[in-house]
Protein backbone atom coordinates (compact mmCIF):
# COMPACT_ATOMS: atom_id res chain seq x y z
CA UNK A 1 107.34 -37.51 59.18
CA UNK A 2 108.15 -36.22 55.39
CA UNK A 3 105.95 -33.16 56.08
CA UNK A 4 108.03 -32.01 59.35
CA UNK A 5 111.40 -32.71 57.62
CA UNK A 6 110.06 -30.28 54.75
CA UNK A 7 108.83 -27.84 57.48
CA UNK A 8 112.05 -27.84 59.32
CA UNK A 9 113.96 -27.63 56.16
CA UNK A 10 111.86 -24.59 54.82
CA UNK A 11 112.22 -22.57 58.29
CA UNK A 12 115.73 -23.93 59.60
CA UNK A 13 117.13 -20.10 58.91
CA UNK A 14 114.34 -18.64 60.86
CA UNK A 15 114.53 -20.70 63.46
CA UNK A 16 118.21 -20.64 63.81
CA UNK A 17 118.02 -16.95 63.75
CA UNK A 18 115.62 -16.87 66.50
CA UNK A 19 118.15 -19.12 68.88
CA UNK A 20 120.85 -16.61 67.84
CA UNK A 21 119.54 -13.49 68.49
CA UNK A 22 116.10 -14.28 70.63
CA UNK A 23 113.96 -11.80 69.09
CA UNK A 24 110.45 -12.16 67.98
CA UNK A 25 107.57 -10.10 66.40
CA UNK A 26 105.09 -11.17 69.15
CA UNK A 27 104.95 -7.89 70.66
CA UNK A 28 103.82 -6.32 67.47
CA UNK A 29 101.31 -9.30 66.63
CA UNK A 30 99.81 -8.50 69.77
CA UNK A 31 99.41 -4.92 69.50
CA UNK A 32 98.01 -5.50 65.87
CA UNK A 33 95.39 -8.07 67.02
CA UNK A 34 94.45 -5.18 69.63
CA UNK A 35 93.94 -2.77 67.08
CA UNK A 36 91.78 -4.97 64.80
CA UNK A 37 89.54 -5.80 67.58
CA UNK A 38 89.22 -2.21 68.55
CA UNK A 39 88.65 -1.12 64.94
CA UNK A 40 85.85 -4.25 64.78
CA UNK A 41 84.02 -2.90 67.61
CA UNK A 42 84.38 0.85 66.43
CA UNK A 43 82.58 0.31 62.77
CA UNK A 44 79.96 2.93 63.65
CA UNK A 45 82.66 5.78 63.74
CA UNK A 46 83.14 7.17 60.29
CA UNK A 47 85.93 9.64 61.48
CA UNK A 48 89.25 8.69 61.18
CA UNK A 49 90.57 11.08 64.33
CA UNK A 50 87.94 9.10 66.39
CA UNK A 51 89.03 5.71 65.58
CA UNK A 52 92.64 6.81 65.93
CA UNK A 53 91.88 8.17 69.46
CA UNK A 54 90.09 4.96 70.62
CA UNK A 55 93.25 2.89 69.27
CA UNK A 56 95.73 5.27 70.96
CA UNK A 57 93.66 5.49 74.16
CA UNK A 58 93.32 1.48 74.43
CA UNK A 59 96.86 0.69 73.43
CA UNK A 60 98.35 3.26 75.98
CA UNK A 61 99.77 6.02 74.47
CA UNK A 62 96.98 8.61 74.71
CA UNK A 63 95.77 9.97 78.17
CA UNK A 64 92.72 11.97 78.99
CA UNK A 65 93.49 15.01 80.65
CA UNK A 66 91.84 15.67 84.06
CA UNK A 67 90.30 19.33 84.74
CA UNK A 68 90.68 20.80 87.71
CA UNK A 69 88.09 19.61 90.37
CA UNK A 70 87.18 16.52 88.38
CA UNK A 71 87.19 13.38 90.22
CA UNK A 72 88.96 10.41 89.17
């Protein structure tokens, strides 16, 4: 029980702040995790621009343009 008491004392400010503002960094942690997975699978790419494009594509802020006559 002493471990739980110390833990609560150490993080009490952060816990109370969460209940006051209800904001977490879960979205940024999830995005960071996704980027780490993409980078791990892209070790064969040596060009920074290729890695950047993969990250933007898989995280939803890069869209491939369709050319006229191209099927989806």
